[in-house]
PDB file of N, CA and C in Angstrom:
ATOM      1  N   MET A   1      85.037 117.354 117.378  1.00  0.00           N
ATOM      2  CA  MET A   1      85.193 118.564 118.185  1.00  0.00           C
ATOM      3  C   MET A   1      83.836 119.043 118.675  1.00  0.00           C
ATOM      4  N   THR A   2      83.849 119.705 119.797  1.00  0.00           N
ATOM      5  CA  THR A   2      82.624 120.272 120.341  1.00  0.00           C
ATOM      6  C   THR A   2      82.499 121.713 119.887  1.00  0.00           C
ATOM      7  N   GLU A   3      81.432 122.349 120.289  1.00  0.00           N
ATOM      8  CA  GLU A   3      81.217 123.744 119.923  1.00  0.00           C
ATOM      9  C   GLU A   3      82.357 124.639 120.398  1.00  0.00           C
ATOM     10  N   GLN A   4      82.964 124.310 121.539  1.00  0.00           N
ATOM     11  CA  GLN A   4      84.052 125.112 122.085  1.00  0.00           C
ATOM     12  C   GLN A   4      85.400 124.747 121.459  1.00  0.00           C
ATOM     13  N   GLY A   5      85.432 123.839 120.487  1.00  0.00           N
ATOM     14  CA  GLY A   5      86.667 123.420 119.853  1.00  0.00           C
ATOM     15  C   GLY A   5      87.418 122.371 120.647  1.00  0.00           C
ATOM     16  N   GLU A   6      86.808 121.844 121.669  1.00  0.00           N
ATOM     17  CA  GLU A   6      87.420 120.828 122.515  1.00  0.00           C
ATOM     18  C   GLU A   6      87.394 119.483 121.792  1.00  0.00           C
ATOM     19  N   ARG A   7      88.551 118.800 121.766  1.00  0.00           N
ATOM     20  CA  ARG A   7      88.601 117.472 121.143  1.00  0.00           C
ATOM     21  C   ARG A   7      88.074 116.432 122.117  1.00  0.00           C
ATOM     22  N   LEU A   8      87.430 115.408 121.584  1.00  0.00           N
ATOM     23  CA  LEU A   8      86.889 114.321 122.400  1.00  0.00           C
ATOM     24  C   LEU A   8      87.515 113.001 121.972  1.00  0.00           C
ATOM     25  N   SER A   9      87.600 112.065 122.906  1.00  0.00           N
ATOM     26  CA  SER A   9      88.118 110.737 122.575  1.00  0.00           C
ATOM     27  C   SER A   9      87.022 109.929 121.889  1.00  0.00           C
ATOM     28  N   HIS A  10      87.443 108.828 121.301  1.00  0.00           N
ATOM     29  CA  HIS A  10      86.510 107.966 120.574  1.00  0.00           C
ATOM     30  C   HIS A  10      86.542 106.552 121.131  1.00  0.00           C
ATOM     31  N   HIS A  11      86.645 106.434 122.444  1.00  0.00           N
ATOM     32  CA  HIS A  11      86.777 105.113 123.052  1.00  0.00           C
ATOM     33  C   HIS A  11      85.414 104.454 123.242  1.00  0.00           C
ATOM     34  N   ASP A  12      85.445 103.122 123.131  1.00  0.00           N
ATOM     35  CA  ASP A  12      84.208 102.376 123.320  1.00  0.00           C
ATOM     36  C   ASP A  12      83.848 102.314 124.802  1.00  0.00           C
ATOM     37  N   ASP A  13      82.635 101.891 125.071  1.00  0.00           N
ATOM     38  CA  ASP A  13      82.136 101.852 126.443  1.00  0.00           C
ATOM     39  C   ASP A  13      82.963 100.925 127.335  1.00  0.00           C
ATOM     40  N   LYS A  14      83.466  99.831 126.769  1.00  0.00           N
ATOM     41  CA  LYS A  14      84.276  98.886 127.536  1.00  0.00           C
ATOM     42  C   LYS A  14      85.561  99.560 128.025  1.00  0.00           C
ATOM     43  N   THR A  15      86.208 100.316 127.163  1.00  0.00           N
ATOM     44  CA  THR A  15      87.442 101.014 127.537  1.00  0.00           C
ATOM     45  C   THR A  15      87.173 102.063 128.599  1.00  0.00           C
ATOM     46  N   ILE A  16      86.109 102.828 128.403  1.00  0.00           N
ATOM     47  CA  ILE A  16      85.744 103.862 129.378  1.00  0.00           C
ATOM     48  C   ILE A  16      85.483 103.208 130.742  1.00  0.00           C
ATOM     49  N   LYS A  17      84.741 102.106 130.730  1.00  0.00           N
ATOM     50  CA  LYS A  17      84.424 101.417 131.985  1.00  0.00           C
ATOM     51  C   LYS A  17      85.700 100.923 132.659  1.00  0.00           C
ATOM     52  N   GLU A  18      86.618 100.349 131.880  1.00  0.00           N
ATOM     53  CA  GLU A  18      87.861  99.838 132.445  1.00  0.00           C
ATOM     54  C   GLU A  18      88.702 100.970 133.042  1.00  0.00           C
ATOM     55  N   LEU A  19      88.785 102.088 132.343  1.00  0.00           N
ATOM     56  CA  LEU A  19      89.551 103.227 132.853  1.00  0.00           C
ATOM     57  C   LEU A  19      88.918 103.807 134.119  1.00  0.00           C
ATOM     58  N   VAL A  20      87.597 103.936 134.127  1.00  0.00           N
ATOM     59  CA  VAL A  20      86.909 104.464 135.306  1.00  0.00           C
ATOM     60  C   VAL A  20      87.095 103.516 136.491  1.00  0.00           C
ATOM     61  N   THR A  21      87.020 102.216 136.252  1.00  0.00           N
ATOM     62  CA  THR A  21      87.237 101.232 137.310  1.00  0.00           C
ATOM     63  C   THR A  21      88.635 101.373 137.896  1.00  0.00           C
ATOM     64  N   ARG A  22      89.624 101.514 137.009  1.00  0.00           N
ATOM     65  CA  ARG A  22      91.003 101.689 137.471  1.00  0.00           C
ATOM     66  C   ARG A  22      91.147 102.974 138.282  1.00  0.00           C
ATOM     67  N   MET A  23      90.541 104.051 137.814  1.00  0.00           N
ATOM     68  CA  MET A  23      90.642 105.332 138.516  1.00  0.00           C
ATOM     69  C   MET A  23      89.962 105.260 139.886  1.00  0.00           C
ATOM     70  N   ASN A  24      88.842 104.567 139.951  1.00  0.00           N
ATOM     71  CA  ASN A  24      88.165 104.390 141.244  1.00  0.00           C
ATOM     72  C   ASN A  24      89.045 103.626 142.225  1.00  0.00           C
ATOM     73  N   ARG A  25      89.704 102.581 141.719  1.00  0.00           N
ATOM     74  CA  ARG A  25      90.590 101.790 142.565  1.00  0.00           C
ATOM     75  C   ARG A  25      91.770 102.643 143.042  1.00  0.00           C
ATOM     76  N   ILE A  26      92.342 103.423 142.139  1.00  0.00           N
ATOM     77  CA  ILE A  26      93.468 104.291 142.489  1.00  0.00           C
ATOM     78  C   ILE A  26      93.027 105.357 143.489  1.00  0.00           C
ATOM     79  N   GLU A  27      91.845 105.900 143.276  1.00  0.00           N
ATOM     80  CA  GLU A  27      91.312 106.887 144.213  1.00  0.00           C
ATOM     81  C   GLU A  27      91.210 106.285 145.617  1.00  0.00           C
ATOM     82  N   GLY A  28      90.770 105.048 145.693  1.00  0.00           N
ATOM     83  CA  GLY A  28      90.696 104.361 146.979  1.00  0.00           C
ATOM     84  C   GLY A  28      92.082 104.161 147.588  1.00  0.00           C
ATOM     85  N   GLN A  29      93.054 103.825 146.740  1.00  0.00           N
ATOM     86  CA  GLN A  29      94.424 103.669 147.227  1.00  0.00           C
ATOM     87  C   GLN A  29      94.938 104.983 147.811  1.00  0.00           C
ATOM     88  N   ILE A  30      94.670 106.077 147.130  1.00  0.00           N
ATOM     89  CA  ILE A  30      95.140 107.389 147.585  1.00  0.00           C
ATOM     90  C   ILE A  30      94.485 107.748 148.920  1.00  0.00           C
ATOM     91  N   ARG A  31      93.182 107.494 149.026  1.00  0.00           N
ATOM     92  CA  ARG A  31      92.502 107.750 150.306  1.00  0.00           C
ATOM     93  C   ARG A  31      93.111 106.897 151.416  1.00  0.00           C
ATOM     94  N   GLY A  32      93.443 105.652 151.079  1.00  0.00           N
ATOM     95  CA  GLY A  32      94.069 104.763 152.055  1.00  0.00           C
ATOM     96  C   GLY A  32      95.432 105.279 152.492  1.00  0.00           C
ATOM     97  N   ILE A  33      96.207 105.788 151.564  1.00  0.00           N
ATOM     98  CA  ILE A  33      97.520 106.346 151.884  1.00  0.00           C
ATOM     99  C   ILE A  33      97.368 107.564 152.791  1.00  0.00           C
ATOM    100  N   LYS A  34      96.411 108.411 152.482  1.00  0.00           N
ATOM    101  CA  LYS A  34      96.152 109.584 153.318  1.00  0.00           C
ATOM    102  C   LYS A  34      95.819 109.144 154.745  1.00  0.00           C
ATOM    103  N   GLY A  35      94.986 108.125 154.865  1.00  0.00           N
ATOM    104  CA  GLY A  35      94.623 107.607 156.177  1.00  0.00           C
ATOM    105  C   GLY A  35      95.830 107.050 156.920  1.00  0.00           C
ATOM    106  N   MET A  36      96.717 106.374 156.186  1.00  0.00           N
ATOM    107  CA  MET A  36      97.933 105.841 156.798  1.00  0.00           C
ATOM    108  C   MET A  36      98.789 106.976 157.367  1.00  0.00           C
ATOM    109  N   ILE A  37      98.905 108.040 156.615  1.00  0.00           N
ATOM    110  CA  ILE A  37      99.686 109.194 157.071  1.00  0.00           C
ATOM    111  C   ILE A  37      99.058 109.775 158.337  1.00  0.00           C
ATOM    112  N   GLU A  38      97.740 109.923 158.317  1.00  0.00           N
ATOM    113  CA  GLU A  38      97.035 110.484 159.468  1.00  0.00           C
ATOM    114  C   GLU A  38      97.178 109.598 160.713  1.00  0.00           C
ATOM    115  N   ARG A  39      97.299 108.279 160.496  1.00  0.00           N
ATOM    116  CA  ARG A  39      97.426 107.340 161.615  1.00  0.00           C
ATOM    117  C   ARG A  39      98.879 107.104 162.014  1.00  0.00           C
ATOM    118  N   HIS A  40      99.795 107.839 161.399  1.00  0.00           N
ATOM    119  CA  HIS A  40     101.229 107.735 161.705  1.00  0.00           C
ATOM    120  C   HIS A  40     101.780 106.343 161.430  1.00  0.00           C
ATOM    121  N   VAL A  41     101.291 105.719 160.362  1.00  0.00           N
ATOM    122  CA  VAL A  41     101.788 104.394 159.977  1.00  0.00           C
ATOM    123  C   VAL A  41     103.270 104.528 159.599  1.00  0.00           C
ATOM    124  N   TYR A  42     104.015 103.477 159.810  1.00  0.00           N
ATOM    125  CA  TYR A  42     105.444 103.450 159.529  1.00  0.00           C
ATOM    126  C   TYR A  42     105.716 103.894 158.093  1.00  0.00           C
ATOM    127  N   CYS A  43     106.712 104.782 157.947  1.00  0.00           N
ATOM    128  CA  CYS A  43     107.013 105.427 156.660  1.00  0.00           C
ATOM    129  C   CYS A  43     107.212 104.427 155.510  1.00  0.00           C
ATOM    130  N   ASP A  44     107.957 103.354 155.774  1.00  0.00           N
ATOM    131  CA  ASP A  44     108.238 102.381 154.723  1.00  0.00           C
ATOM    132  C   ASP A  44     106.949 101.761 154.181  1.00  0.00           C
ATOM    133  N   ASP A  45     105.993 101.518 155.058  1.00  0.00           N
ATOM    134  CA  ASP A  45     104.709 100.957 154.629  1.00  0.00           C
ATOM    135  C   ASP A  45     103.955 101.947 153.742  1.00  0.00           C
ATOM    136  N   ILE A  46     104.006 103.211 154.098  1.00  0.00           N
ATOM    137  CA  ILE A  46     103.350 104.245 153.287  1.00  0.00           C
ATOM    138  C   ILE A  46     104.032 104.364 151.931  1.00  0.00           C
ATOM    139  N   LEU A  47     105.356 104.368 151.939  1.00  0.00           N
ATOM    140  CA  LEU A  47     106.101 104.469 150.675  1.00  0.00           C
ATOM    141  C   LEU A  47     105.776 103.302 149.745  1.00  0.00           C
ATOM    142  N   ASN A  48     105.620 102.108 150.308  1.00  0.00           N
ATOM    143  CA  ASN A  48     105.248 100.953 149.486  1.00  0.00           C
ATOM    144  C   ASN A  48     103.865 101.138 148.869  1.00  0.00           C
ATOM    145  N   GLN A  49     102.944 101.696 149.627  1.00  0.00           N
ATOM    146  CA  GLN A  49     101.601 101.949 149.091  1.00  0.00           C
ATOM    147  C   GLN A  49     101.618 103.034 148.022  1.00  0.00           C
ATOM    148  N   ILE A  50     102.446 104.057 148.207  1.00  0.00           N
ATOM    149  CA  ILE A  50     102.592 105.107 147.191  1.00  0.00           C
ATOM    150  C   ILE A  50     103.144 104.509 145.904  1.00  0.00           C
ATOM    151  N   SER A  51     104.131 103.636 146.038  1.00  0.00           N
ATOM    152  CA  SER A  51     104.700 102.971 144.869  1.00  0.00           C
ATOM    153  C   SER A  51     103.647 102.145 144.134  1.00  0.00           C
ATOM    154  N   SER A  52     102.804 101.480 144.889  1.00  0.00           N
ATOM    155  CA  SER A  52     101.727 100.683 144.310  1.00  0.00           C
ATOM    156  C   SER A  52     100.740 101.575 143.542  1.00  0.00           C
ATOM    157  N   ALA A  53     100.402 102.717 144.128  1.00  0.00           N
ATOM    158  CA  ALA A  53      99.483 103.650 143.465  1.00  0.00           C
ATOM    159  C   ALA A  53     100.108 104.214 142.191  1.00  0.00           C
ATOM    160  N   GLN A  54     101.406 104.509 142.243  1.00  0.00           N
ATOM    161  CA  GLN A  54     102.092 105.006 141.047  1.00  0.00           C
ATOM    162  C   GLN A  54     102.089 103.952 139.938  1.00  0.00           C
ATOM    163  N   SER A  55     102.299 102.701 140.313  1.00  0.00           N
ATOM    164  CA  SER A  55     102.266 101.611 139.324  1.00  0.00           C
ATOM    165  C   SER A  55     100.877 101.488 138.706  1.00  0.00           C
ATOM    166  N   ALA A  56      99.854 101.639 139.530  1.00  0.00           N
ATOM    167  CA  ALA A  56      98.484 101.570 139.023  1.00  0.00           C
ATOM    168  C   ALA A  56      98.208 102.717 138.047  1.00  0.00           C
ATOM    169  N   LEU A  57      98.691 103.915 138.369  1.00  0.00           N
ATOM    170  CA  LEU A  57      98.537 105.049 137.454  1.00  0.00           C
ATOM    171  C   LEU A  57      99.300 104.805 136.155  1.00  0.00           C
ATOM    172  N   ASP A  58     100.496 104.241 136.257  1.00  0.00           N
ATOM    173  CA  ASP A  58     101.276 103.927 135.056  1.00  0.00           C
ATOM    174  C   ASP A  58     100.523 102.935 134.171  1.00  0.00           C
ATOM    175  N   GLY A  59      99.893 101.948 134.786  1.00  0.00           N
ATOM    176  CA  GLY A  59      99.118 100.970 134.021  1.00  0.00           C
ATOM    177  C   GLY A  59      97.944 101.615 133.309  1.00  0.00           C
ATOM    178  N   ALA A  60      97.261 102.517 133.994  1.00  0.00           N
ATOM    179  CA  ALA A  60      96.145 103.233 133.373  1.00  0.00           C
ATOM    180  C   ALA A  60      96.653 104.108 132.223  1.00  0.00           C
ATOM    181  N   SER A  61      97.803 104.735 132.419  1.00  0.00           N
ATOM    182  CA  SER A  61      98.388 105.566 131.359  1.00  0.00           C
ATOM    183  C   SER A  61      98.731 104.736 130.127  1.00  0.00           C
ATOM    184  N   ARG A  62      99.322 103.567 130.359  1.00  0.00           N
ATOM    185  CA  ARG A  62      99.675 102.700 129.230  1.00  0.00           C
ATOM    186  C   ARG A  62      98.434 102.249 128.468  1.00  0.00           C
ATOM    187  N   LEU A  63      97.392 101.877 129.202  1.00  0.00           N
ATOM    188  CA  LEU A  63      96.147 101.465 128.553  1.00  0.00           C
ATOM    189  C   LEU A  63      95.568 102.612 127.730  1.00  0.00           C
ATOM    190  N   LEU A  64      95.519 103.792 128.318  1.00  0.00           N
ATOM    191  CA  LEU A  64      94.960 104.936 127.609  1.00  0.00           C
ATOM    192  C   LEU A  64      95.810 105.303 126.397  1.00  0.00           C
ATOM    193  N   LEU A  65      97.124 105.239 126.529  1.00  0.00           N
ATOM    194  CA  LEU A  65      98.003 105.531 125.390  1.00  0.00           C
ATOM    195  C   LEU A  65      97.768 104.532 124.264  1.00  0.00           C
ATOM    196  N   GLU A  66      97.644 103.269 124.606  1.00  0.00           N
ATOM    197  CA  GLU A  66      97.381 102.240 123.589  1.00  0.00           C
ATOM    198  C   GLU A  66      96.074 102.533 122.848  1.00  0.00           C
ATOM    199  N   LYS A  67      95.028 102.791 123.601  1.00  0.00           N
ATOM    200  CA  LYS A  67      93.721 103.069 122.984  1.00  0.00           C
ATOM    201  C   LYS A  67      93.774 104.357 122.175  1.00  0.00           C
ATOM    202  N   HIS A  68      94.501 105.359 122.672  1.00  0.00           N
ATOM    203  CA  HIS A  68      94.644 106.635 121.964  1.00  0.00           C
ATOM    204  C   HIS A  68      95.324 106.416 120.609  1.00  0.00           C
ATOM    205  N   MET A  69      96.403 105.613 120.616  1.00  0.00           N
ATOM    206  CA  MET A  69      97.132 105.348 119.369  1.00  0.00           C
ATOM    207  C   MET A  69      96.255 104.602 118.366  1.00  0.00           C
ATOM    208  N   LYS A  70      95.448 103.662 118.866  1.00  0.00           N
ATOM    209  CA  LYS A  70      94.638 102.831 117.983  1.00  0.00           C
ATOM    210  C   LYS A  70      93.357 103.512 117.509  1.00  0.00           C
ATOM    211  N   SER A  71      93.003 104.622 118.111  1.00  0.00           N
ATOM    212  CA  SER A  71      91.762 105.289 117.693  1.00  0.00           C
ATOM    213  C   SER A  71      92.029 106.735 117.287  1.00  0.00           C
ATOM    214  N   CYS A  72      92.244 107.592 118.239  1.00  0.00           N
ATOM    215  CA  CYS A  72      92.368 109.028 117.971  1.00  0.00           C
ATOM    216  C   CYS A  72      93.526 109.337 117.014  1.00  0.00           C
ATOM    217  N   VAL A  73      94.707 108.799 117.320  1.00  0.00           N
ATOM    218  CA  VAL A  73      95.882 109.083 116.501  1.00  0.00           C
ATOM    219  C   VAL A  73      95.720 108.488 115.109  1.00  0.00           C
ATOM    220  N   LYS A  74      95.260 107.257 115.048  1.00  0.00           N
ATOM    221  CA  LYS A  74      95.047 106.593 113.758  1.00  0.00           C
ATOM    222  C   LYS A  74      94.085 107.406 112.886  1.00  0.00           C
ATOM    223  N   GLU A  75      93.000 107.861 113.494  1.00  0.00           N
ATOM    224  CA  GLU A  75      92.000 108.639 112.756  1.00  0.00           C
ATOM    225  C   GLU A  75      92.590 109.954 112.239  1.00  0.00           C
ATOM    226  N   ARG A  76      93.369 110.623 113.071  1.00  0.00           N
ATOM    227  CA  ARG A  76      93.955 111.901 112.646  1.00  0.00           C
ATOM    228  C   ARG A  76      94.997 111.697 111.554  1.00  0.00           C
ATOM    229  N   LEU A  77      95.766 110.614 111.627  1.00  0.00           N
ATOM    230  CA  LEU A  77      96.738 110.334 110.570  1.00  0.00           C
ATOM    231  C   LEU A  77      96.042 110.018 109.253  1.00  0.00           C
ATOM    232  N   GLN A  78      94.942 109.285 109.327  1.00  0.00           N
ATOM    233  CA  GLN A  78      94.176 108.980 108.119  1.00  0.00           C
ATOM    234  C   GLN A  78      93.587 110.253 107.513  1.00  0.00           C
ATOM    235  N   GLY A  79      93.376 111.263 108.334  1.00  0.00           N
ATOM    236  CA  GLY A  79      92.880 112.549 107.872  1.00  0.00           C
ATOM    237  C   GLY A  79      94.009 113.494 107.499  1.00  0.00           C
ATOM    238  N   ASP A  80      95.217 112.954 107.314  1.00  0.00           N
ATOM    239  CA  ASP A  80      96.409 113.720 106.929  1.00  0.00           C
ATOM    240  C   ASP A  80      96.810 114.773 107.952  1.00  0.00           C
ATOM    241  N   ASP A  81      96.538 114.543 109.212  1.00  0.00           N
ATOM    242  CA  ASP A  81      96.945 115.453 110.285  1.00  0.00           C
ATOM    243  C   ASP A  81      98.234 114.917 110.903  1.00  0.00           C
ATOM    244  N   ASP A  82      99.365 115.236 110.289  1.00  0.00           N
ATOM    245  CA  ASP A  82     100.656 114.746 110.756  1.00  0.00           C
ATOM    246  C   ASP A  82     101.109 115.413 112.056  1.00  0.00           C
ATOM    247  N   GLN A  83     100.477 116.498 112.443  1.00  0.00           N
ATOM    248  CA  GLN A  83     100.823 117.194 113.684  1.00  0.00           C
ATOM    249  C   GLN A  83     100.595 116.288 114.896  1.00  0.00           C
ATOM    250  N   VAL A  84      99.727 115.312 114.748  1.00  0.00           N
ATOM    251  CA  VAL A  84      99.424 114.401 115.853  1.00  0.00           C
ATOM    252  C   VAL A  84     100.668 113.618 116.288  1.00  0.00           C
ATOM    253  N   VAL A  85     101.594 113.374 115.374  1.00  0.00           N
ATOM    254  CA  VAL A  85     102.815 112.637 115.725  1.00  0.00           C
ATOM    255  C   VAL A  85     103.623 113.429 116.749  1.00  0.00           C
ATOM    256  N   ASP A  86     103.800 114.724 116.509  1.00  0.00           N
ATOM    257  CA  ASP A  86     104.527 115.561 117.470  1.00  0.00           C
ATOM    258  C   ASP A  86     103.803 115.612 118.813  1.00  0.00           C
ATOM    259  N   GLU A  87     102.484 115.674 118.764  1.00  0.00           N
ATOM    260  CA  GLU A  87     101.674 115.701 119.988  1.00  0.00           C
ATOM    261  C   GLU A  87     101.888 114.435 120.812  1.00  0.00           C
ATOM    262  N   VAL A  88     101.853 113.288 120.146  1.00  0.00           N
ATOM    263  CA  VAL A  88     102.007 112.006 120.836  1.00  0.00           C
ATOM    264  C   VAL A  88     103.427 111.852 121.370  1.00  0.00           C
ATOM    265  N   LEU A  89     104.412 112.245 120.581  1.00  0.00           N
ATOM    266  CA  LEU A  89     105.793 112.159 121.049  1.00  0.00           C
ATOM    267  C   LEU A  89     106.004 113.011 122.294  1.00  0.00           C
ATOM    268  N   LYS A  90     105.464 114.204 122.293  1.00  0.00           N
ATOM    269  CA  LYS A  90     105.571 115.096 123.459  1.00  0.00           C
ATOM    270  C   LYS A  90     104.945 114.422 124.688  1.00  0.00           C
ATOM    271  N   THR A  91     103.799 113.808 124.486  1.00  0.00           N
ATOM    272  CA  THR A  91     103.109 113.127 125.588  1.00  0.00           C
ATOM    273  C   THR A  91     103.940 111.940 126.091  1.00  0.00           C
ATOM    274  N   ILE A  92     104.469 111.146 125.181  1.00  0.00           N
ATOM    275  CA  ILE A  92     105.270 109.981 125.571  1.00  0.00           C
ATOM    276  C   ILE A  92     106.521 110.420 126.317  1.00  0.00           C
ATOM    277  N   PHE A  93     107.193 111.455 125.819  1.00  0.00           N
ATOM    278  CA  PHE A  93     108.399 111.937 126.495  1.00  0.00           C
ATOM    279  C   PHE A  93     108.074 112.420 127.899  1.00  0.00           C
ATOM    280  N   ARG A  94     106.920 113.048 128.066  1.00  0.00           N
ATOM    281  CA  ARG A  94     106.489 113.505 129.390  1.00  0.00           C
ATOM    282  C   ARG A  94     106.213 112.298 130.298  1.00  0.00           C
ATOM    283  N   MET A  95     105.649 111.246 129.728  1.00  0.00           N
ATOM    284  CA  MET A  95     105.326 110.055 130.510  1.00  0.00           C
ATOM    285  C   MET A  95     106.567 109.324 131.005  1.00  0.00           C
ATOM    286  N   ILE A  96     107.642 109.347 130.221  1.00  0.00           N
ATOM    287  CA  ILE A  96     108.817 108.550 130.585  1.00  0.00           C
ATOM    288  C   ILE A  96     109.839 109.331 131.403  1.00  0.00           C
ATOM    289  N   ARG A  97     109.543 110.546 131.760  1.00  0.00           N
ATOM    290  CA  ARG A  97     110.478 111.306 132.611  1.00  0.00           C
ATOM    291  C   ARG A  97     110.626 110.661 133.937  1.00  0.00           C
TER     292      ARG A  97
END
């Protein structure tokens, strides 16, 4: 925890780099979609690109959830913090809506 009580992740540099790379790619996809809209590109083509961006976000979410379970959640459970289970379940249920 930080001075403000904010929790921090415990991911290694490789994971952080992979997530940032994915986010940069997704950011580029979103900018591309915006440009398509501005250029009046055919709706179906835009919808396909939106679907692609959503899939990329889902992939990043799955990666982050996996790393979260293997580090942050594992550490909190080892510290007898069972509240983390409810936290993770709430997050997973939100993800699968």
